N, C-alpha and C. Protein backbone atom coordinates (compact mmCIF):
# COMPACT_ATOMS: atom_id res chain seq x y z
N MET A 1 144.10 187.93 29.59
CA MET A 1 144.01 189.12 28.79
C MET A 1 145.33 189.88 28.95
N SER A 2 145.97 190.14 27.86
CA SER A 2 147.29 190.77 27.93
C SER A 2 147.26 192.27 27.65
N ASP A 3 146.14 192.79 27.15
CA ASP A 3 146.07 194.22 26.90
C ASP A 3 144.65 194.73 27.11
N GLY A 4 144.49 196.04 27.03
CA GLY A 4 143.18 196.64 27.23
C GLY A 4 142.95 197.03 28.67
N PRO A 5 141.79 197.60 28.96
CA PRO A 5 141.52 198.09 30.32
C PRO A 5 141.40 196.98 31.36
N TYR A 6 141.17 195.76 30.91
CA TYR A 6 141.01 194.66 31.85
C TYR A 6 142.15 193.64 31.73
N ALA A 7 143.33 194.12 31.35
CA ALA A 7 144.48 193.24 31.21
C ALA A 7 144.77 192.57 32.55
N VAL A 8 144.94 191.27 32.51
CA VAL A 8 145.20 190.53 33.74
C VAL A 8 145.87 189.21 33.40
N LYS A 9 146.79 188.82 34.25
CA LYS A 9 147.33 187.48 34.17
C LYS A 9 146.67 186.73 35.31
N GLY A 10 145.79 185.85 34.98
CA GLY A 10 145.05 185.20 36.04
C GLY A 10 144.47 183.88 35.62
N TYR A 11 143.31 183.61 36.13
CA TYR A 11 142.67 182.33 35.99
C TYR A 11 141.52 182.42 35.01
N ARG A 12 141.27 181.33 34.33
CA ARG A 12 140.09 181.27 33.47
C ARG A 12 138.87 181.03 34.35
N PRO A 13 137.82 181.76 34.12
CA PRO A 13 136.62 181.56 34.95
C PRO A 13 135.92 180.25 34.61
N GLU A 14 135.33 179.64 35.63
CA GLU A 14 134.55 178.44 35.39
C GLU A 14 133.10 178.85 35.12
N TYR A 15 132.26 177.89 34.79
CA TYR A 15 130.94 178.24 34.25
C TYR A 15 130.07 179.03 35.22
N GLU A 16 130.15 178.75 36.51
CA GLU A 16 129.28 179.49 37.43
C GLU A 16 129.77 180.93 37.62
N THR A 17 131.06 181.14 37.51
CA THR A 17 131.59 182.50 37.54
C THR A 17 131.13 183.26 36.31
N LEU A 18 131.21 182.60 35.15
CA LEU A 18 130.73 183.23 33.92
C LEU A 18 129.25 183.57 34.02
N ALA A 19 128.47 182.67 34.60
CA ALA A 19 127.03 182.92 34.74
C ALA A 19 126.76 184.07 35.71
N ALA A 20 127.50 184.11 36.82
CA ALA A 20 127.27 185.14 37.84
C ALA A 20 127.59 186.53 37.35
N PHE A 21 128.72 186.68 36.67
CA PHE A 21 129.14 188.01 36.23
C PHE A 21 128.76 188.31 34.79
N GLY A 22 128.27 187.32 34.08
CA GLY A 22 127.85 187.50 32.69
C GLY A 22 126.35 187.72 32.61
N PRO A 23 125.60 186.67 32.24
CA PRO A 23 124.16 186.82 32.03
C PRO A 23 123.39 187.34 33.25
N LEU A 24 123.77 186.94 34.45
CA LEU A 24 123.02 187.39 35.63
C LEU A 24 123.10 188.92 35.77
N CYS A 25 124.22 189.50 35.39
CA CYS A 25 124.40 190.96 35.45
C CYS A 25 124.22 191.60 34.08
N GLN A 26 123.81 190.80 33.11
CA GLN A 26 123.66 191.24 31.71
C GLN A 26 124.94 191.88 31.19
N ASN A 27 126.06 191.31 31.58
CA ASN A 27 127.38 191.80 31.20
C ASN A 27 127.87 190.98 30.01
N ASP A 28 128.10 191.63 28.88
CA ASP A 28 128.58 190.91 27.70
C ASP A 28 130.05 191.19 27.40
N ASN A 29 130.79 191.62 28.42
CA ASN A 29 132.21 191.91 28.27
C ASN A 29 133.03 190.80 28.93
N PRO A 30 133.52 189.81 28.15
CA PRO A 30 134.23 188.68 28.75
C PRO A 30 135.54 189.07 29.44
N GLU A 31 136.19 190.13 28.96
CA GLU A 31 137.44 190.55 29.59
C GLU A 31 137.20 191.01 31.02
N SER A 32 136.09 191.70 31.25
CA SER A 32 135.78 192.15 32.61
C SER A 32 135.51 190.96 33.52
N ILE A 33 134.91 189.92 32.98
CA ILE A 33 134.63 188.72 33.77
C ILE A 33 135.93 188.03 34.17
N CYS A 34 136.88 187.98 33.25
CA CYS A 34 138.19 187.40 33.57
C CYS A 34 138.88 188.19 34.68
N LEU A 35 138.77 189.52 34.62
CA LEU A 35 139.39 190.35 35.65
C LEU A 35 138.73 190.13 37.01
N VAL A 36 137.40 190.18 37.08
CA VAL A 36 136.75 190.02 38.39
C VAL A 36 136.95 188.61 38.94
N ASN A 37 137.07 187.63 38.06
CA ASN A 37 137.38 186.28 38.51
C ASN A 37 138.74 186.26 39.21
N THR A 38 139.73 186.92 38.63
CA THR A 38 141.06 186.97 39.23
C THR A 38 141.04 187.75 40.54
N VAL A 39 140.34 188.88 40.56
CA VAL A 39 140.24 189.68 41.79
C VAL A 39 139.62 188.84 42.91
N CYS A 40 138.52 188.15 42.60
CA CYS A 40 137.86 187.30 43.61
C CYS A 40 138.78 186.17 44.08
N ASN A 41 139.42 185.50 43.14
CA ASN A 41 140.31 184.39 43.51
C ASN A 41 141.45 184.87 44.40
N GLU A 42 142.06 185.98 44.05
CA GLU A 42 143.18 186.48 44.84
C GLU A 42 142.75 186.99 46.21
N ALA A 43 141.50 187.44 46.31
CA ALA A 43 140.99 187.92 47.60
C ALA A 43 140.33 186.81 48.42
N GLY A 44 140.19 185.62 47.81
CA GLY A 44 139.54 184.51 48.52
C GLY A 44 138.04 184.67 48.63
N ILE A 45 137.44 185.32 47.64
CA ILE A 45 136.00 185.60 47.66
C ILE A 45 135.30 184.65 46.69
N ASP A 46 134.15 184.15 47.09
CA ASP A 46 133.35 183.27 46.26
C ASP A 46 132.74 184.05 45.10
N THR A 47 133.00 183.60 43.88
CA THR A 47 132.52 184.32 42.70
C THR A 47 131.01 184.21 42.52
N ILE A 48 130.43 183.10 42.91
CA ILE A 48 128.98 182.93 42.77
C ILE A 48 128.26 183.93 43.67
N SER A 49 128.64 183.97 44.93
CA SER A 49 128.00 184.89 45.88
C SER A 49 128.23 186.34 45.48
N THR A 50 129.45 186.66 45.05
CA THR A 50 129.76 188.04 44.69
C THR A 50 128.96 188.49 43.48
N GLY A 51 128.92 187.66 42.44
CA GLY A 51 128.16 188.02 41.24
C GLY A 51 126.68 188.14 41.53
N ALA A 52 126.14 187.21 42.32
CA ALA A 52 124.72 187.26 42.66
C ALA A 52 124.39 188.50 43.50
N THR A 53 125.28 188.86 44.40
CA THR A 53 125.06 190.03 45.25
C THR A 53 125.11 191.31 44.42
N ILE A 54 126.02 191.38 43.47
CA ILE A 54 126.08 192.55 42.59
C ILE A 54 124.82 192.62 41.73
N ALA A 55 124.35 191.49 41.22
CA ALA A 55 123.11 191.48 40.43
C ALA A 55 121.94 191.96 41.28
N PHE A 56 121.91 191.57 42.55
CA PHE A 56 120.89 192.04 43.47
C PHE A 56 120.95 193.56 43.61
N ALA A 57 122.17 194.11 43.76
CA ALA A 57 122.33 195.56 43.89
C ALA A 57 121.86 196.26 42.62
N ILE A 58 122.17 195.69 41.47
CA ILE A 58 121.72 196.28 40.20
C ILE A 58 120.19 196.27 40.14
N GLU A 59 119.59 195.16 40.55
CA GLU A 59 118.12 195.08 40.56
C GLU A 59 117.53 196.16 41.47
N CYS A 60 118.14 196.36 42.63
CA CYS A 60 117.67 197.40 43.55
C CYS A 60 117.82 198.78 42.92
N PHE A 61 118.93 199.02 42.25
CA PHE A 61 119.17 200.31 41.60
C PHE A 61 118.15 200.54 40.49
N GLU A 62 117.93 199.52 39.68
CA GLU A 62 116.99 199.63 38.56
C GLU A 62 115.55 199.85 39.04
N ASN A 63 115.25 199.41 40.26
CA ASN A 63 113.91 199.59 40.83
C ASN A 63 113.85 200.77 41.80
N ASN A 64 114.83 201.65 41.70
CA ASN A 64 114.87 202.90 42.47
C ASN A 64 114.92 202.70 43.98
N LEU A 65 115.45 201.57 44.42
CA LEU A 65 115.66 201.36 45.85
C LEU A 65 117.04 201.86 46.26
N LEU A 66 117.92 202.02 45.27
CA LEU A 66 119.25 202.61 45.46
C LEU A 66 119.40 203.75 44.46
N THR A 67 120.18 204.75 44.85
CA THR A 67 120.48 205.86 43.95
C THR A 67 121.98 205.97 43.77
N LYS A 68 122.40 206.83 42.83
CA LYS A 68 123.83 207.07 42.65
C LYS A 68 124.45 207.64 43.93
N GLU A 69 123.66 208.36 44.69
CA GLU A 69 124.15 208.89 45.97
C GLU A 69 124.44 207.75 46.94
N ASP A 70 123.55 206.75 46.97
CA ASP A 70 123.76 205.57 47.83
C ASP A 70 125.00 204.78 47.44
N THR A 71 125.26 204.71 46.13
CA THR A 71 126.36 203.88 45.62
C THR A 71 127.65 204.67 45.43
N ASN A 72 127.70 205.86 45.97
CA ASN A 72 128.87 206.73 45.85
C ASN A 72 129.21 207.02 44.39
N GLY A 73 128.17 207.28 43.60
CA GLY A 73 128.37 207.68 42.21
C GLY A 73 128.43 206.55 41.19
N ILE A 74 128.32 205.32 41.63
CA ILE A 74 128.38 204.19 40.69
C ILE A 74 127.02 204.03 40.03
N ASP A 75 127.01 203.99 38.72
CA ASP A 75 125.79 203.85 37.93
C ASP A 75 125.50 202.36 37.76
N LEU A 76 124.71 201.81 38.63
CA LEU A 76 124.44 200.36 38.64
C LEU A 76 123.35 199.98 37.65
N LEU A 77 123.70 199.96 36.41
CA LEU A 77 122.75 199.56 35.37
C LEU A 77 123.12 198.18 34.85
N TRP A 78 122.13 197.45 34.39
CA TRP A 78 122.39 196.13 33.81
C TRP A 78 123.42 196.27 32.69
N GLY A 79 124.42 195.41 32.71
CA GLY A 79 125.42 195.38 31.65
C GLY A 79 126.56 196.37 31.82
N ASN A 80 126.55 197.17 32.87
CA ASN A 80 127.62 198.16 33.08
C ASN A 80 128.84 197.45 33.67
N HIS A 81 129.71 196.97 32.79
CA HIS A 81 130.86 196.18 33.25
C HIS A 81 131.84 197.00 34.08
N GLU A 82 131.93 198.31 33.83
CA GLU A 82 132.81 199.14 34.65
C GLU A 82 132.32 199.16 36.10
N ALA A 83 131.01 199.28 36.29
CA ALA A 83 130.43 199.29 37.63
C ALA A 83 130.63 197.93 38.32
N ILE A 84 130.47 196.85 37.57
CA ILE A 84 130.65 195.51 38.13
C ILE A 84 132.08 195.33 38.61
N VAL A 85 133.04 195.71 37.79
CA VAL A 85 134.46 195.60 38.16
C VAL A 85 134.74 196.45 39.40
N GLU A 86 134.25 197.67 39.42
CA GLU A 86 134.48 198.55 40.57
C GLU A 86 133.88 197.96 41.85
N LEU A 87 132.67 197.42 41.77
CA LEU A 87 132.06 196.83 42.97
C LEU A 87 132.83 195.62 43.47
N VAL A 88 133.31 194.79 42.56
CA VAL A 88 134.10 193.62 42.98
C VAL A 88 135.37 194.09 43.69
N LYS A 89 136.02 195.10 43.16
CA LYS A 89 137.22 195.63 43.82
C LYS A 89 136.88 196.19 45.19
N GLN A 90 135.76 196.90 45.31
CA GLN A 90 135.35 197.43 46.61
C GLN A 90 135.05 196.32 47.60
N ILE A 91 134.38 195.28 47.15
CA ILE A 91 134.07 194.15 48.03
C ILE A 91 135.37 193.49 48.48
N ALA A 92 136.29 193.27 47.55
CA ALA A 92 137.56 192.62 47.87
C ALA A 92 138.38 193.44 48.87
N GLU A 93 138.30 194.76 48.76
CA GLU A 93 139.06 195.65 49.64
C GLU A 93 138.24 196.15 50.82
N LYS A 94 136.99 195.74 50.90
CA LYS A 94 136.04 196.14 51.94
C LYS A 94 136.02 197.65 52.13
N ARG A 95 135.74 198.34 51.00
CA ARG A 95 135.67 199.80 51.01
C ARG A 95 134.48 200.25 50.17
N GLY A 96 134.05 201.47 50.38
CA GLY A 96 132.98 202.05 49.59
C GLY A 96 131.66 201.32 49.75
N PHE A 97 130.77 201.56 48.81
CA PHE A 97 129.44 200.93 48.83
C PHE A 97 129.55 199.41 48.83
N GLY A 98 130.41 198.88 47.99
CA GLY A 98 130.58 197.42 47.91
C GLY A 98 131.02 196.83 49.24
N GLY A 99 132.00 197.45 49.87
CA GLY A 99 132.51 196.94 51.14
C GLY A 99 131.58 197.15 52.31
N GLU A 100 130.84 198.25 52.29
CA GLU A 100 129.95 198.56 53.40
C GLU A 100 128.60 197.86 53.32
N VAL A 101 128.06 197.74 52.11
CA VAL A 101 126.70 197.22 51.96
C VAL A 101 126.68 195.79 51.41
N LEU A 102 127.52 195.48 50.44
CA LEU A 102 127.43 194.19 49.74
C LEU A 102 128.37 193.11 50.27
N PHE A 103 129.34 193.47 51.06
CA PHE A 103 130.39 192.54 51.49
C PHE A 103 129.86 191.25 52.11
N ASP A 104 128.80 191.33 52.89
CA ASP A 104 128.29 190.15 53.60
C ASP A 104 127.22 189.39 52.84
N GLY A 105 127.02 189.68 51.57
CA GLY A 105 126.09 188.91 50.76
C GLY A 105 124.69 189.53 50.68
N ILE A 106 123.85 188.82 49.93
CA ILE A 106 122.51 189.33 49.61
C ILE A 106 121.64 189.53 50.84
N GLU A 107 121.58 188.56 51.71
CA GLU A 107 120.67 188.66 52.85
C GLU A 107 120.99 189.89 53.70
N LYS A 108 122.25 190.09 54.05
CA LYS A 108 122.64 191.24 54.86
C LYS A 108 122.49 192.55 54.09
N ALA A 109 122.79 192.51 52.78
CA ALA A 109 122.62 193.72 51.96
C ALA A 109 121.16 194.14 51.94
N ALA A 110 120.25 193.18 51.82
CA ALA A 110 118.82 193.50 51.82
C ALA A 110 118.41 194.13 53.14
N GLU A 111 118.97 193.65 54.24
CA GLU A 111 118.68 194.24 55.55
C GLU A 111 119.17 195.69 55.61
N LYS A 112 120.36 195.94 55.05
CA LYS A 112 120.93 197.29 55.09
C LYS A 112 120.19 198.24 54.15
N ILE A 113 119.80 197.76 52.98
CA ILE A 113 119.12 198.61 52.00
C ILE A 113 117.67 198.86 52.41
N GLY A 114 116.99 197.81 52.89
CA GLY A 114 115.58 197.95 53.29
C GLY A 114 114.70 198.31 52.10
N LYS A 115 113.69 199.11 52.34
CA LYS A 115 112.79 199.64 51.30
C LYS A 115 112.12 198.55 50.46
N GLY A 116 111.95 197.36 51.00
CA GLY A 116 111.33 196.28 50.24
C GLY A 116 112.31 195.52 49.36
N SER A 117 113.61 195.76 49.52
CA SER A 117 114.61 195.08 48.69
C SER A 117 114.63 193.58 48.93
N GLU A 118 114.08 193.15 50.05
CA GLU A 118 114.03 191.73 50.36
C GLU A 118 113.31 190.94 49.26
N GLU A 119 112.39 191.61 48.56
CA GLU A 119 111.66 190.97 47.47
C GLU A 119 112.60 190.50 46.36
N PHE A 120 113.73 191.16 46.19
CA PHE A 120 114.68 190.83 45.14
C PHE A 120 115.86 189.99 45.66
N ALA A 121 115.89 189.71 46.94
CA ALA A 121 117.01 189.01 47.56
C ALA A 121 116.86 187.49 47.39
N MET A 122 117.45 186.96 46.33
CA MET A 122 117.34 185.54 46.02
C MET A 122 118.43 184.76 46.77
N HIS A 123 118.02 184.05 47.79
CA HIS A 123 118.96 183.23 48.57
C HIS A 123 118.18 182.13 49.26
N CYS A 124 118.89 181.19 49.79
CA CYS A 124 118.28 180.11 50.56
C CYS A 124 119.05 180.01 51.87
N GLY A 125 118.43 180.44 52.94
CA GLY A 125 119.10 180.43 54.24
C GLY A 125 120.29 181.37 54.29
N GLY A 126 120.26 182.45 53.51
CA GLY A 126 121.35 183.40 53.51
C GLY A 126 122.45 183.08 52.52
N GLU A 127 122.35 181.96 51.86
CA GLU A 127 123.37 181.54 50.88
C GLU A 127 122.87 181.83 49.47
N GLU A 128 123.68 182.54 48.70
CA GLU A 128 123.33 182.84 47.32
C GLU A 128 123.24 181.52 46.54
N LEU A 129 122.36 181.50 45.57
CA LEU A 129 122.10 180.26 44.86
C LEU A 129 123.09 180.03 43.73
N PRO A 130 123.45 178.78 43.50
CA PRO A 130 124.36 178.46 42.40
C PRO A 130 123.64 178.49 41.06
N PHE A 131 124.37 178.23 40.02
CA PHE A 131 123.81 178.33 38.67
C PHE A 131 123.62 176.98 38.01
N HIS A 132 123.30 176.01 38.81
CA HIS A 132 122.85 174.73 38.28
C HIS A 132 121.49 174.47 38.90
N ASP A 133 120.75 173.59 38.32
CA ASP A 133 119.40 173.29 38.80
C ASP A 133 119.46 172.08 39.72
N PRO A 134 119.23 172.26 41.02
CA PRO A 134 119.35 171.13 41.94
C PRO A 134 118.30 170.04 41.71
N ARG A 135 117.27 170.35 40.95
CA ARG A 135 116.24 169.34 40.70
C ARG A 135 116.75 168.18 39.86
N VAL A 136 117.83 168.39 39.13
CA VAL A 136 118.33 167.31 38.27
C VAL A 136 119.22 166.34 39.01
N PHE A 137 119.63 166.67 40.24
CA PHE A 137 120.49 165.78 41.01
C PHE A 137 119.63 164.85 41.86
N PRO A 138 119.74 163.57 41.65
CA PRO A 138 118.95 162.64 42.46
C PRO A 138 119.53 162.52 43.87
N GLY A 139 118.71 162.10 44.77
CA GLY A 139 119.18 161.78 46.11
C GLY A 139 119.55 162.99 46.93
N PRO A 140 120.52 162.81 47.85
CA PRO A 140 120.82 163.85 48.83
C PRO A 140 121.42 165.12 48.26
N ARG A 141 121.95 165.08 47.04
CA ARG A 141 122.54 166.29 46.49
C ARG A 141 121.49 167.17 45.82
N GLY A 142 120.32 166.68 45.66
CA GLY A 142 119.28 167.39 44.92
C GLY A 142 118.52 168.41 45.73
N LYS A 143 117.33 168.72 45.25
CA LYS A 143 116.53 169.79 45.83
C LYS A 143 116.18 169.55 47.29
N LEU A 144 116.03 168.29 47.69
CA LEU A 144 115.73 168.01 49.09
C LEU A 144 116.85 168.51 49.99
N TYR A 145 118.08 168.34 49.56
CA TYR A 145 119.21 168.80 50.37
C TYR A 145 119.19 170.32 50.50
N TYR A 146 118.91 171.03 49.44
CA TYR A 146 118.87 172.49 49.51
C TYR A 146 117.78 172.95 50.47
N ARG A 147 116.68 172.22 50.52
CA ARG A 147 115.56 172.64 51.37
C ARG A 147 115.77 172.27 52.83
N THR A 148 116.59 171.25 53.11
CA THR A 148 116.72 170.78 54.48
C THR A 148 118.08 171.06 55.09
N CYS A 149 119.05 171.49 54.32
CA CYS A 149 120.39 171.76 54.83
C CYS A 149 120.34 172.89 55.86
N SER A 150 121.05 172.74 56.94
CA SER A 150 121.05 173.76 57.98
C SER A 150 121.72 175.05 57.53
N ARG A 151 122.45 175.01 56.42
CA ARG A 151 123.14 176.20 55.92
C ARG A 151 122.53 176.75 54.65
N GLY A 152 121.32 176.39 54.33
CA GLY A 152 120.64 176.96 53.17
C GLY A 152 121.13 176.37 51.86
N GLY A 153 121.21 177.20 50.81
CA GLY A 153 121.56 176.73 49.48
C GLY A 153 123.04 176.52 49.28
N ILE A 154 123.69 175.96 50.27
CA ILE A 154 125.14 175.74 50.20
C ILE A 154 125.46 174.78 49.07
N ARG A 155 126.49 175.09 48.32
CA ARG A 155 126.78 174.29 47.14
C ARG A 155 128.03 173.45 47.28
N ASN A 156 128.76 173.58 48.35
CA ASN A 156 129.99 172.81 48.45
C ASN A 156 130.04 171.90 49.67
N THR A 157 128.92 171.68 50.30
CA THR A 157 128.86 170.73 51.40
C THR A 157 127.65 169.83 51.15
N VAL A 158 127.93 168.62 50.79
CA VAL A 158 126.89 167.65 50.49
C VAL A 158 127.09 166.48 51.44
N PRO A 159 126.00 165.84 51.92
CA PRO A 159 126.18 164.71 52.83
C PRO A 159 127.19 163.71 52.28
N GLY A 160 128.13 163.32 53.12
CA GLY A 160 129.15 162.36 52.73
C GLY A 160 130.39 163.02 52.16
N LEU A 161 130.25 164.21 51.61
CA LEU A 161 131.39 164.90 51.01
C LEU A 161 132.36 165.39 52.08
N ARG A 162 131.82 165.87 53.21
CA ARG A 162 132.68 166.35 54.28
C ARG A 162 133.60 165.25 54.78
N LYS A 163 133.05 164.06 54.98
CA LYS A 163 133.85 162.93 55.43
C LYS A 163 134.94 162.62 54.41
N LYS A 164 134.59 162.66 53.15
CA LYS A 164 135.56 162.38 52.10
C LYS A 164 136.65 163.45 52.09
N ARG A 165 136.28 164.71 52.29
CA ARG A 165 137.27 165.78 52.32
C ARG A 165 138.25 165.58 53.46
N TRP A 166 137.72 165.24 54.66
CA TRP A 166 138.61 165.03 55.80
C TRP A 166 139.55 163.86 55.54
N PHE A 167 139.04 162.82 54.91
CA PHE A 167 139.89 161.69 54.57
C PHE A 167 141.02 162.14 53.64
N LEU A 168 140.66 162.90 52.59
CA LEU A 168 141.67 163.36 51.64
C LEU A 168 142.65 164.32 52.29
N LEU A 169 142.17 165.19 53.17
CA LEU A 169 143.05 166.13 53.87
C LEU A 169 144.04 165.37 54.76
N ASN A 170 143.52 164.43 55.53
CA ASN A 170 144.40 163.64 56.38
C ASN A 170 145.41 162.85 55.56
N TRP A 171 144.96 162.29 54.44
CA TRP A 171 145.84 161.53 53.57
C TRP A 171 146.95 162.43 53.03
N ALA A 172 146.60 163.66 52.62
CA ALA A 172 147.59 164.58 52.07
C ALA A 172 148.59 165.02 53.13
N ILE A 173 148.13 165.23 54.35
CA ILE A 173 149.02 165.65 55.45
C ILE A 173 150.02 164.54 55.78
N GLN A 174 149.56 163.31 55.76
CA GLN A 174 150.41 162.18 56.12
C GLN A 174 151.46 161.89 55.06
N ARG A 175 151.29 162.37 53.85
CA ARG A 175 152.24 162.08 52.77
C ARG A 175 153.38 162.98 52.86
């Protein structure tokens, strides 16, 4: 995006980033999604977890578990792309409501918010869920892996993949 309030020279978001900051947050502003994607990438933050955690905060706000006073004046309504952008920046800089409450993901945020917010905390073993359906993957990458993995709904560690990564890393170092 070269102009407008969300002007950024950055990266194109991939589908799970689009899903996390778009439909999951009811955000129909693609420019804001491009900006938060770049902010997350530059800060080294996972876009899936960040988008899911912000959607969780919006759900809590919409159900009166959070107030504008709790969020330091941020109006966390579905589709409020300005609020989404601000929270991503706060998480990236570990400041404000985003940095204090949302930085460590949904599970920890639910513990901090309390008030029954755990009911809205969608995670598996503390890991925010990806935007693909694990039931369609046969074998160890499928739903059985999500249910038995020691790290919950982790999406980037699949049996056999770690060994392959170490092989590729060692190969790259030796070159």
